[in-house]
Amino acid sequence: MSVLVNLIVMLGMLIVVPVGLRLLGDPHLGAVDRLWPLAAVSGAASLWLPRGPVAEALAAGYAVATVLLALQAPLRLARTRSFAPAEIATLTALVTPSVAALALVAERGGHQLLGFDLRTLALTVPHFHFAGFAAALVAGLCCRAHPGPLGRLAALSVPLGTLLVLAGYFIDDWVELAGALVLTAGMWAVSLVTWRDIRRTGRDQLTRLLLATASAVLVLTMLLALSWALGEAAGIPHPTVAWMAATHGIGNALGFALCSVLAWRRIKAMKETTG
């Protein structure tokens, strides 16, 4: 993995996922929440070691926490018995880190997984932390805050787009392009709801700035995602992997995911204070 990709993945492991999980306010996640810091440090350490048994074992430590988190999805569904759009997005957020962790274990051990080369596995790790977990989490939060047609579109399109992108890995680049189109529609819906509705509703200046940044960044980063997917499917010139990591990757990690979870954390704290 490159240094840049490693840093992006560490941000997801150490900050975005644990802060995001607390935003759900689900007491049943308490055990996973307590385990997460140790597991995230283990996963982060694996990124900086040479591929081999030690790095693989450290990555596996992180994978255990993600599997425990994924198991919360069917348990939550059994409790709520809800297939509301916001709930579908939340369930997706609970499951996607385990996809990233499975790819991480294989890549750190130097093993191809299901025929995917090590570079593809390395890029799967940040993708399912940010386009998977963070995107689905924020789409669900937006839908709960503003459960109109646009909010429901965001909450349904992000999980569907993520699933199609994953399916495209196994089928062909055109399915992945379809997934990118659906995911982009969902993320732009998140952007519009954030900008038009959530940002304006009694927020302090810093929270509005964080929300505005997340909203604006999504417009640009998803255009880059579309250009990449179209180029891969149609065989036309498109950004390189290094360029995508430096633009799309950093933009989604810092501009969207980090700004979003910090803004929603401030919103949640304000509600608890005033409530």
Foldseek 3Di string as FASTA:
>chain_A
DDPLLLVLLLLLQQPLLLLLVVLVVDPVCVVLSVLRNVLSVLQSVLVPDAQADSSLVSLVSNLVSLVVQLVVLVVVCVVPVDPQLLNLLQNQLSNLQNLLSVLSSCLSNLHDDPNDHNVVSSVSNSCSSQLTNLQSSLLSVLCVVPVDPLSSLLSNLSSQLVVQLVVCVVPHLVSNLVSLVSNLSNQLSSLCSLLPPVLPPPDDPLLNVLSPQQSVLSVVLSVLVNQVSCCRRVVHDHDDPVVNSVRNVCSRSPRHSVSSSVSSVVVVVVVVVVD
